[in-house]
PDB file of N, CA and C in Angstrom:
ATOM      1  N   MET A   1      84.026  37.133 -24.023  1.00  0.00           N
ATOM      2  CA  MET A   1      84.395  37.786 -22.662  1.00  0.00           C
ATOM      3  C   MET A   1      84.216  39.262 -22.746  1.00  0.00           C
ATOM      4  N   SER A   2      83.637  39.793 -23.750  1.00  0.00           N
ATOM      5  CA  SER A   2      83.667  41.133 -23.916  1.00  0.00           C
ATOM      6  C   SER A   2      82.499  41.714 -22.680  1.00  0.00           C
ATOM      7  N   PHE A   3      81.538  40.872 -22.400  1.00  0.00           N
ATOM      8  CA  PHE A   3      80.560  41.351 -21.494  1.00  0.00           C
ATOM      9  C   PHE A   3      81.334  41.575 -20.033  1.00  0.00           C
ATOM     10  N   LEU A   4      82.364  40.855 -19.663  1.00  0.00           N
ATOM     11  CA  LEU A   4      83.031  40.886 -18.424  1.00  0.00           C
ATOM     12  C   LEU A   4      83.509  42.528 -18.246  1.00  0.00           C
ATOM     13  N   SER A   5      84.149  42.934 -19.418  1.00  0.00           N
ATOM     14  CA  SER A   5      84.471  44.334 -19.226  1.00  0.00           C
ATOM     15  C   SER A   5      83.456  45.437 -18.793  1.00  0.00           C
ATOM     16  N   ASN A   6      82.363  45.091 -19.321  1.00  0.00           N
ATOM     17  CA  ASN A   6      81.104  46.004 -18.830  1.00  0.00           C
ATOM     18  C   ASN A   6      80.809  45.747 -17.604  1.00  0.00           C
ATOM     19  N   PHE A   7      80.793  44.601 -17.267  1.00  0.00           N
ATOM     20  CA  PHE A   7      80.229  44.088 -15.820  1.00  0.00           C
ATOM     21  C   PHE A   7      81.091  44.291 -14.582  1.00  0.00           C
ATOM     22  N   GLN A   8      82.391  44.409 -14.860  1.00  0.00           N
ATOM     23  CA  GLN A   8      83.433  44.519 -13.719  1.00  0.00           C
ATOM     24  C   GLN A   8      83.249  45.663 -13.090  1.00  0.00           C
ATOM     25  N   PRO A   9      83.015  46.954 -13.561  1.00  0.00           N
ATOM     26  CA  PRO A   9      82.831  48.204 -12.870  1.00  0.00           C
ATOM     27  C   PRO A   9      81.622  48.020 -11.742  1.00  0.00           C
ATOM     28  N   PHE A  10      80.679  47.398 -12.100  1.00  0.00           N
ATOM     29  CA  PHE A  10      79.505  47.187 -11.466  1.00  0.00           C
ATOM     30  C   PHE A  10      79.795  46.373 -10.228  1.00  0.00           C
ATOM     31  N   MET A  11      80.422  45.281 -10.344  1.00  0.00           N
ATOM     32  CA  MET A  11      80.891  44.449  -9.186  1.00  0.00           C
ATOM     33  C   MET A  11      81.920  45.069  -8.439  1.00  0.00           C
ATOM     34  N   THR A  12      82.806  45.989  -8.742  1.00  0.00           N
ATOM     35  CA  THR A  12      83.634  46.601  -8.147  1.00  0.00           C
ATOM     36  C   THR A  12      82.938  47.685  -7.135  1.00  0.00           C
ATOM     37  N   SER A  13      82.016  48.467  -7.835  1.00  0.00           N
ATOM     38  CA  SER A  13      81.076  49.483  -7.091  1.00  0.00           C
ATOM     39  C   SER A  13      80.393  48.729  -6.020  1.00  0.00           C
ATOM     40  N   LEU A  14      79.852  47.623  -6.208  1.00  0.00           N
ATOM     41  CA  LEU A  14      79.090  46.828  -5.186  1.00  0.00           C
ATOM     42  C   LEU A  14      79.983  46.522  -3.956  1.00  0.00           C
ATOM     43  N   LYS A  15      81.219  46.007  -4.238  1.00  0.00           N
ATOM     44  CA  LYS A  15      82.050  45.360  -3.389  1.00  0.00           C
ATOM     45  C   LYS A  15      82.483  46.560  -2.591  1.00  0.00           C
ATOM     46  N   ASN A  16      82.870  47.786  -3.106  1.00  0.00           N
ATOM     47  CA  ASN A  16      83.369  48.916  -2.442  1.00  0.00           C
ATOM     48  C   ASN A  16      82.205  49.533  -1.434  1.00  0.00           C
ATOM     49  N   ASN A  17      80.926  49.428  -1.934  1.00  0.00           N
ATOM     50  CA  ASN A  17      79.869  50.105  -1.075  1.00  0.00           C
ATOM     51  C   ASN A  17      79.309  49.249  -0.047  1.00  0.00           C
ATOM     52  N   LYS A  18      79.768  47.992  -0.179  1.00  0.00           N
ATOM     53  CA  LYS A  18      79.280  46.991   0.938  1.00  0.00           C
ATOM     54  C   LYS A  18      79.449  47.291   2.346  1.00  0.00           C
ATOM     55  N   ARG A  19      78.347  47.324   3.166  1.00  0.00           N
ATOM     56  CA  ARG A  19      78.700  47.845   4.485  1.00  0.00           C
ATOM     57  C   ARG A  19      78.715  46.592   5.168  1.00  0.00           C
ATOM     58  N   ASN A  20      79.403  46.690   6.620  1.00  0.00           N
ATOM     59  CA  ASN A  20      79.537  45.576   7.487  1.00  0.00           C
ATOM     60  C   ASN A  20      78.355  45.527   8.431  1.00  0.00           C
ATOM     61  N   ARG A  21      77.996  44.292   8.312  1.00  0.00           N
ATOM     62  CA  ARG A  21      76.691  43.908   8.948  1.00  0.00           C
ATOM     63  C   ARG A  21      76.974  43.022  10.249  1.00  0.00           C
ATOM     64  N   LYS A  22      76.416  43.501  11.277  1.00  0.00           N
ATOM     65  CA  LYS A  22      76.467  42.930  12.624  1.00  0.00           C
ATOM     66  C   LYS A  22      75.618  41.746  12.816  1.00  0.00           C
ATOM     67  N   THR A  23      76.172  40.735  13.309  1.00  0.00           N
ATOM     68  CA  THR A  23      75.168  39.611  13.667  1.00  0.00           C
ATOM     69  C   THR A  23      74.368  39.786  14.864  1.00  0.00           C
ATOM     70  N   ILE A  24      73.528  39.039  15.246  1.00  0.00           N
ATOM     71  CA  ILE A  24      72.651  39.120  16.485  1.00  0.00           C
ATOM     72  C   ILE A  24      73.397  38.863  17.516  1.00  0.00           C
ATOM     73  N   PHE A  25      74.457  38.249  17.614  1.00  0.00           N
ATOM     74  CA  PHE A  25      75.399  38.159  18.620  1.00  0.00           C
ATOM     75  C   PHE A  25      76.040  39.432  19.000  1.00  0.00           C
ATOM     76  N   GLU A  26      76.455  40.148  18.094  1.00  0.00           N
ATOM     77  CA  GLU A  26      77.214  41.418  18.133  1.00  0.00           C
ATOM     78  C   GLU A  26      76.311  42.567  18.422  1.00  0.00           C
ATOM     79  N   LYS A  27      75.118  42.572  18.214  1.00  0.00           N
ATOM     80  CA  LYS A  27      74.179  43.823  18.383  1.00  0.00           C
ATOM     81  C   LYS A  27      74.083  44.127  19.833  1.00  0.00           C
ATOM     82  N   GLU A  28      74.070  45.352  20.339  1.00  0.00           N
ATOM     83  CA  GLU A  28      73.630  45.807  21.618  1.00  0.00           C
ATOM     84  C   GLU A  28      72.359  46.253  21.514  1.00  0.00           C
ATOM     85  N   ILE A  29      71.576  45.490  22.385  1.00  0.00           N
ATOM     86  CA  ILE A  29      70.012  45.735  22.452  1.00  0.00           C
ATOM     87  C   ILE A  29      69.801  46.545  23.712  1.00  0.00           C
ATOM     88  N   ILE A  30      69.099  47.726  23.514  1.00  0.00           N
ATOM     89  CA  ILE A  30      68.730  48.623  24.633  1.00  0.00           C
ATOM     90  C   ILE A  30      67.768  47.918  25.517  1.00  0.00           C
ATOM     91  N   GLU A  31      67.918  48.010  26.744  1.00  0.00           N
ATOM     92  CA  GLU A  31      67.147  47.173  27.744  1.00  0.00           C
ATOM     93  C   GLU A  31      65.640  47.826  27.729  1.00  0.00           C
ATOM     94  N   ASN A  32      65.448  49.128  27.651  1.00  0.00           N
ATOM     95  CA  ASN A  32      64.070  49.645  27.807  1.00  0.00           C
ATOM     96  C   ASN A  32      63.289  49.727  26.584  1.00  0.00           C
ATOM     97  N   ASN A  33      63.761  49.088  25.376  1.00  0.00           N
ATOM     98  CA  ASN A  33      63.290  49.206  24.173  1.00  0.00           C
ATOM     99  C   ASN A  33      62.313  47.979  24.184  1.00  0.00           C
ATOM    100  N   ASN A  34      61.106  48.110  23.851  1.00  0.00           N
ATOM    101  CA  ASN A  34      59.995  47.011  23.949  1.00  0.00           C
ATOM    102  C   ASN A  34      59.959  46.286  22.566  1.00  0.00           C
ATOM    103  N   ALA A  35      60.601  46.744  21.494  1.00  0.00           N
ATOM    104  CA  ALA A  35      60.544  46.139  20.305  1.00  0.00           C
ATOM    105  C   ALA A  35      61.408  44.952  20.338  1.00  0.00           C
ATOM    106  N   TYR A  36      62.571  44.850  21.045  1.00  0.00           N
ATOM    107  CA  TYR A  36      63.478  43.889  21.042  1.00  0.00           C
ATOM    108  C   TYR A  36      63.838  43.349  22.400  1.00  0.00           C
ATOM    109  N   SER A  37      63.942  42.050  22.687  1.00  0.00           N
ATOM    110  CA  SER A  37      64.259  41.488  23.906  1.00  0.00           C
ATOM    111  C   SER A  37      65.535  41.103  23.832  1.00  0.00           C
ATOM    112  N   ILE A  38      66.155  40.653  24.960  1.00  0.00           N
ATOM    113  CA  ILE A  38      67.580  40.262  25.126  1.00  0.00           C
ATOM    114  C   ILE A  38      67.746  38.955  24.543  1.00  0.00           C
ATOM    115  N   PHE A  39      68.557  38.740  23.701  1.00  0.00           N
ATOM    116  CA  PHE A  39      68.687  37.387  23.006  1.00  0.00           C
ATOM    117  C   PHE A  39      69.371  36.556  23.786  1.00  0.00           C
ATOM    118  N   VAL A  40      68.646  35.249  23.935  1.00  0.00           N
ATOM    119  CA  VAL A  40      69.271  34.240  24.692  1.00  0.00           C
ATOM    120  C   VAL A  40      69.627  33.009  23.907  1.00  0.00           C
ATOM    121  N   ASP A  41      70.858  32.664  24.172  1.00  0.00           N
ATOM    122  CA  ASP A  41      71.535  31.694  23.242  1.00  0.00           C
ATOM    123  C   ASP A  41      71.345  30.313  23.919  1.00  0.00           C
ATOM    124  N   THR A  42      70.207  29.518  23.509  1.00  0.00           N
ATOM    125  CA  THR A  42      69.799  28.384  24.052  1.00  0.00           C
ATOM    126  C   THR A  42      70.735  27.149  23.905  1.00  0.00           C
ATOM    127  N   LYS A  43      71.535  27.296  22.875  1.00  0.00           N
ATOM    128  CA  LYS A  43      72.552  26.167  22.603  1.00  0.00           C
ATOM    129  C   LYS A  43      73.476  26.128  23.722  1.00  0.00           C
ATOM    130  N   LYS A  44      73.801  27.272  24.415  1.00  0.00           N
ATOM    131  CA  LYS A  44      74.878  27.036  25.456  1.00  0.00           C
ATOM    132  C   LYS A  44      74.358  26.656  26.757  1.00  0.00           C
ATOM    133  N   MET A  45      73.205  26.647  26.950  1.00  0.00           N
ATOM    134  CA  MET A  45      72.524  26.611  28.095  1.00  0.00           C
ATOM    135  C   MET A  45      72.651  24.904  28.566  1.00  0.00           C
ATOM    136  N   ASN A  46      72.758  24.807  29.935  1.00  0.00           N
ATOM    137  CA  ASN A  46      72.764  23.453  30.441  1.00  0.00           C
ATOM    138  C   ASN A  46      71.225  22.966  30.316  1.00  0.00           C
ATOM    139  N   PRO A  47      71.033  21.605  30.559  1.00  0.00           N
ATOM    140  CA  PRO A  47      69.627  21.134  30.344  1.00  0.00           C
ATOM    141  C   PRO A  47      68.586  21.686  31.508  1.00  0.00           C
ATOM    142  N   GLU A  48      69.177  21.792  32.445  1.00  0.00           N
ATOM    143  CA  GLU A  48      68.348  22.158  33.638  1.00  0.00           C
ATOM    144  C   GLU A  48      67.698  23.592  33.454  1.00  0.00           C
ATOM    145  N   LYS A  49      68.782  24.668  33.107  1.00  0.00           N
ATOM    146  CA  LYS A  49      68.241  25.799  32.737  1.00  0.00           C
ATOM    147  C   LYS A  49      67.509  25.968  31.474  1.00  0.00           C
ATOM    148  N   PHE A  50      67.668  25.071  30.526  1.00  0.00           N
ATOM    149  CA  PHE A  50      67.106  25.142  29.273  1.00  0.00           C
ATOM    150  C   PHE A  50      65.543  24.632  29.558  1.00  0.00           C
ATOM    151  N   LYS A  51      65.453  23.961  30.531  1.00  0.00           N
ATOM    152  CA  LYS A  51      64.001  23.425  30.851  1.00  0.00           C
ATOM    153  C   LYS A  51      63.279  24.416  31.607  1.00  0.00           C
ATOM    154  N   ARG A  52      63.885  25.102  32.291  1.00  0.00           N
ATOM    155  CA  ARG A  52      63.289  26.320  33.122  1.00  0.00           C
ATOM    156  C   ARG A  52      62.950  27.401  32.170  1.00  0.00           C
ATOM    157  N   PHE A  53      63.790  27.632  30.972  1.00  0.00           N
ATOM    158  CA  PHE A  53      63.570  28.644  30.156  1.00  0.00           C
ATOM    159  C   PHE A  53      62.493  28.272  29.359  1.00  0.00           C
ATOM    160  N   GLN A  54      62.173  26.953  28.949  1.00  0.00           N
ATOM    161  CA  GLN A  54      61.114  26.585  28.183  1.00  0.00           C
ATOM    162  C   GLN A  54      59.849  26.614  28.909  1.00  0.00           C
ATOM    163  N   GLU A  55      59.926  26.236  30.200  1.00  0.00           N
ATOM    164  CA  GLU A  55      58.679  26.461  31.094  1.00  0.00           C
ATOM    165  C   GLU A  55      58.212  27.783  31.101  1.00  0.00           C
ATOM    166  N   ASN A  56      59.092  28.795  31.469  1.00  0.00           N
ATOM    167  CA  ASN A  56      58.872  30.184  31.529  1.00  0.00           C
ATOM    168  C   ASN A  56      58.187  30.692  30.160  1.00  0.00           C
ATOM    169  N   LEU A  57      58.710  30.353  29.072  1.00  0.00           N
ATOM    170  CA  LEU A  57      58.325  30.721  27.711  1.00  0.00           C
ATOM    171  C   LEU A  57      56.775  30.280  27.379  1.00  0.00           C
ATOM    172  N   LYS A  58      56.592  29.010  27.740  1.00  0.00           N
ATOM    173  CA  LYS A  58      55.335  28.405  27.684  1.00  0.00           C
ATOM    174  C   LYS A  58      54.232  29.086  28.677  1.00  0.00           C
ATOM    175  N   GLU A  59      54.590  29.524  29.748  1.00  0.00           N
ATOM    176  CA  GLU A  59      53.654  30.284  30.706  1.00  0.00           C
ATOM    177  C   GLU A  59      53.478  31.726  30.184  1.00  0.00           C
ATOM    178  N   ASN A  60      54.492  32.295  29.753  1.00  0.00           N
ATOM    179  CA  ASN A  60      54.221  33.586  29.097  1.00  0.00           C
ATOM    180  C   ASN A  60      53.244  33.447  27.948  1.00  0.00           C
ATOM    181  N   ASN A  61      53.397  32.521  26.946  1.00  0.00           N
ATOM    182  CA  ASN A  61      52.505  32.169  25.919  1.00  0.00           C
ATOM    183  C   ASN A  61      51.164  32.016  26.447  1.00  0.00           C
ATOM    184  N   ARG A  62      50.843  31.306  27.285  1.00  0.00           N
ATOM    185  CA  ARG A  62      49.633  31.041  27.921  1.00  0.00           C
ATOM    186  C   ARG A  62      48.760  32.162  28.573  1.00  0.00           C
ATOM    187  N   LYS A  63      49.767  33.138  29.220  1.00  0.00           N
ATOM    188  CA  LYS A  63      49.242  34.253  29.707  1.00  0.00           C
ATOM    189  C   LYS A  63      48.630  35.235  28.573  1.00  0.00           C
ATOM    190  N   THR A  64      49.567  35.275  27.320  1.00  0.00           N
ATOM    191  CA  THR A  64      49.197  36.153  26.281  1.00  0.00           C
ATOM    192  C   THR A  64      47.926  35.640  25.653  1.00  0.00           C
ATOM    193  N   GLU A  65      47.788  34.195  25.393  1.00  0.00           N
ATOM    194  CA  GLU A  65      46.631  33.732  24.891  1.00  0.00           C
ATOM    195  C   GLU A  65      45.448  33.967  25.750  1.00  0.00           C
ATOM    196  N   ARG A  66      45.377  33.919  27.081  1.00  0.00           N
ATOM    197  CA  ARG A  66      44.304  34.237  27.918  1.00  0.00           C
ATOM    198  C   ARG A  66      43.807  35.723  27.607  1.00  0.00           C
ATOM    199  N   LYS A  67      44.780  36.534  27.623  1.00  0.00           N
ATOM    200  CA  LYS A  67      44.500  37.889  27.315  1.00  0.00           C
ATOM    201  C   LYS A  67      43.826  38.050  26.067  1.00  0.00           C
ATOM    202  N   LEU A  68      44.299  37.535  25.254  1.00  0.00           N
ATOM    203  CA  LEU A  68      43.514  37.541  23.758  1.00  0.00           C
ATOM    204  C   LEU A  68      42.312  37.037  23.536  1.00  0.00           C
ATOM    205  N   TYR A  69      41.961  35.869  24.241  1.00  0.00           N
ATOM    206  CA  TYR A  69      40.708  35.251  24.499  1.00  0.00           C
ATOM    207  C   TYR A  69      39.576  36.249  25.157  1.00  0.00           C
ATOM    208  N   LEU A  70      40.161  36.913  26.257  1.00  0.00           N
ATOM    209  CA  LEU A  70      39.262  37.633  27.090  1.00  0.00           C
ATOM    210  C   LEU A  70      38.825  38.901  26.152  1.00  0.00           C
ATOM    211  N   ILE A  71      39.879  39.599  25.492  1.00  0.00           N
ATOM    212  CA  ILE A  71      39.641  40.644  24.602  1.00  0.00           C
ATOM    213  C   ILE A  71      38.549  40.255  23.349  1.00  0.00           C
ATOM    214  N   PHE A  72      38.904  39.122  22.835  1.00  0.00           N
ATOM    215  CA  PHE A  72      38.086  38.631  21.592  1.00  0.00           C
ATOM    216  C   PHE A  72      36.745  38.306  22.190  1.00  0.00           C
ATOM    217  N   GLY A  73      36.570  37.709  23.381  1.00  0.00           N
ATOM    218  CA  GLY A  73      35.178  37.304  23.973  1.00  0.00           C
ATOM    219  C   GLY A  73      34.494  38.783  24.368  1.00  0.00           C
ATOM    220  N   ALA A  74      35.052  39.620  24.796  1.00  0.00           N
ATOM    221  CA  ALA A  74      34.349  40.973  25.224  1.00  0.00           C
ATOM    222  C   ALA A  74      33.985  41.713  23.909  1.00  0.00           C
ATOM    223  N   LEU A  75      34.845  41.727  22.910  1.00  0.00           N
ATOM    224  CA  LEU A  75      34.319  42.175  21.774  1.00  0.00           C
ATOM    225  C   LEU A  75      33.132  41.600  21.077  1.00  0.00           C
ATOM    226  N   MET A  76      33.342  40.157  21.005  1.00  0.00           N
ATOM    227  CA  MET A  76      32.025  39.392  20.422  1.00  0.00           C
ATOM    228  C   MET A  76      30.892  39.658  21.093  1.00  0.00           C
ATOM    229  N   ILE A  77      30.900  39.834  22.560  1.00  0.00           N
ATOM    230  CA  ILE A  77      29.639  39.910  23.374  1.00  0.00           C
ATOM    231  C   ILE A  77      29.078  41.352  22.852  1.00  0.00           C
ATOM    232  N   LEU A  78      30.061  42.302  22.670  1.00  0.00           N
ATOM    233  CA  LEU A  78      29.645  43.716  22.447  1.00  0.00           C
ATOM    234  C   LEU A  78      29.035  43.904  21.070  1.00  0.00           C
ATOM    235  N   VAL A  79      29.684  43.196  20.193  1.00  0.00           N
ATOM    236  CA  VAL A  79      29.193  43.145  18.723  1.00  0.00           C
ATOM    237  C   VAL A  79      27.836  42.478  18.527  1.00  0.00           C
ATOM    238  N   ILE A  80      27.573  41.499  19.373  1.00  0.00           N
ATOM    239  CA  ILE A  80      26.266  40.707  19.418  1.00  0.00           C
ATOM    240  C   ILE A  80      25.142  41.422  19.880  1.00  0.00           C
ATOM    241  N   SER A  81      25.515  42.095  21.183  1.00  0.00           N
ATOM    242  CA  SER A  81      24.685  42.901  21.716  1.00  0.00           C
ATOM    243  C   SER A  81      24.090  44.281  20.861  1.00  0.00           C
ATOM    244  N   VAL A  82      25.089  44.852  20.288  1.00  0.00           N
ATOM    245  CA  VAL A  82      24.750  45.866  19.347  1.00  0.00           C
ATOM    246  C   VAL A  82      23.986  45.330  18.150  1.00  0.00           C
ATOM    247  N   ILE A  83      24.170  44.169  17.528  1.00  0.00           N
ATOM    248  CA  ILE A  83      23.317  43.588  16.556  1.00  0.00           C
ATOM    249  C   ILE A  83      21.913  43.309  16.976  1.00  0.00           C
ATOM    250  N   LEU A  84      21.824  42.788  18.131  1.00  0.00           N
ATOM    251  CA  LEU A  84      20.534  42.371  18.759  1.00  0.00           C
ATOM    252  C   LEU A  84      19.805  43.726  19.047  1.00  0.00           C
ATOM    253  N   TYR A  85      20.484  44.778  19.365  1.00  0.00           N
ATOM    254  CA  TYR A  85      19.844  46.062  19.868  1.00  0.00           C
ATOM    255  C   TYR A  85      19.176  46.546  18.433  1.00  0.00           C
ATOM    256  N   PHE A  86      20.013  46.681  17.383  1.00  0.00           N
ATOM    257  CA  PHE A  86      19.574  47.156  16.176  1.00  0.00           C
ATOM    258  C   PHE A  86      18.374  46.168  15.384  1.00  0.00           C
ATOM    259  N   LEU A  87      18.469  44.989  15.752  1.00  0.00           N
ATOM    260  CA  LEU A  87      17.547  44.068  15.123  1.00  0.00           C
ATOM    261  C   LEU A  87      16.063  44.281  15.764  1.00  0.00           C
ATOM    262  N   PHE A  88      16.034  44.146  17.137  1.00  0.00           N
ATOM    263  CA  PHE A  88      14.819  44.186  17.864  1.00  0.00           C
ATOM    264  C   PHE A  88      14.195  45.500  18.166  1.00  0.00           C
ATOM    265  N   TYR A  89      15.094  46.625  18.458  1.00  0.00           N
ATOM    266  CA  TYR A  89      14.582  47.771  18.860  1.00  0.00           C
ATOM    267  C   TYR A  89      14.367  48.743  17.659  1.00  0.00           C
ATOM    268  N   PHE A  90      14.683  48.591  16.563  1.00  0.00           N
ATOM    269  CA  PHE A  90      14.492  49.486  15.398  1.00  0.00           C
ATOM    270  C   PHE A  90      13.519  48.949  14.518  1.00  0.00           C
TER     271      PHE A  90
END
């Protein structure tokens, strides 16, 4: 048990320096900060409200996918046109 005497000050130091962490329920989220959105606890929702929440989430995901597809398509058209330009006009 001699190793315990050398190890005990380290454990005490770690215990004394430990900070209190807030859970996601305790954090205050700033409304105008785009990095975080308001936390919605879906376990406390009634089934009707939860269904509307899911539909809203799916619709937002569809809109985001459409934007990504449009941007990707436009970039691919641009890249292909530049490649064709350099292949046939130089």
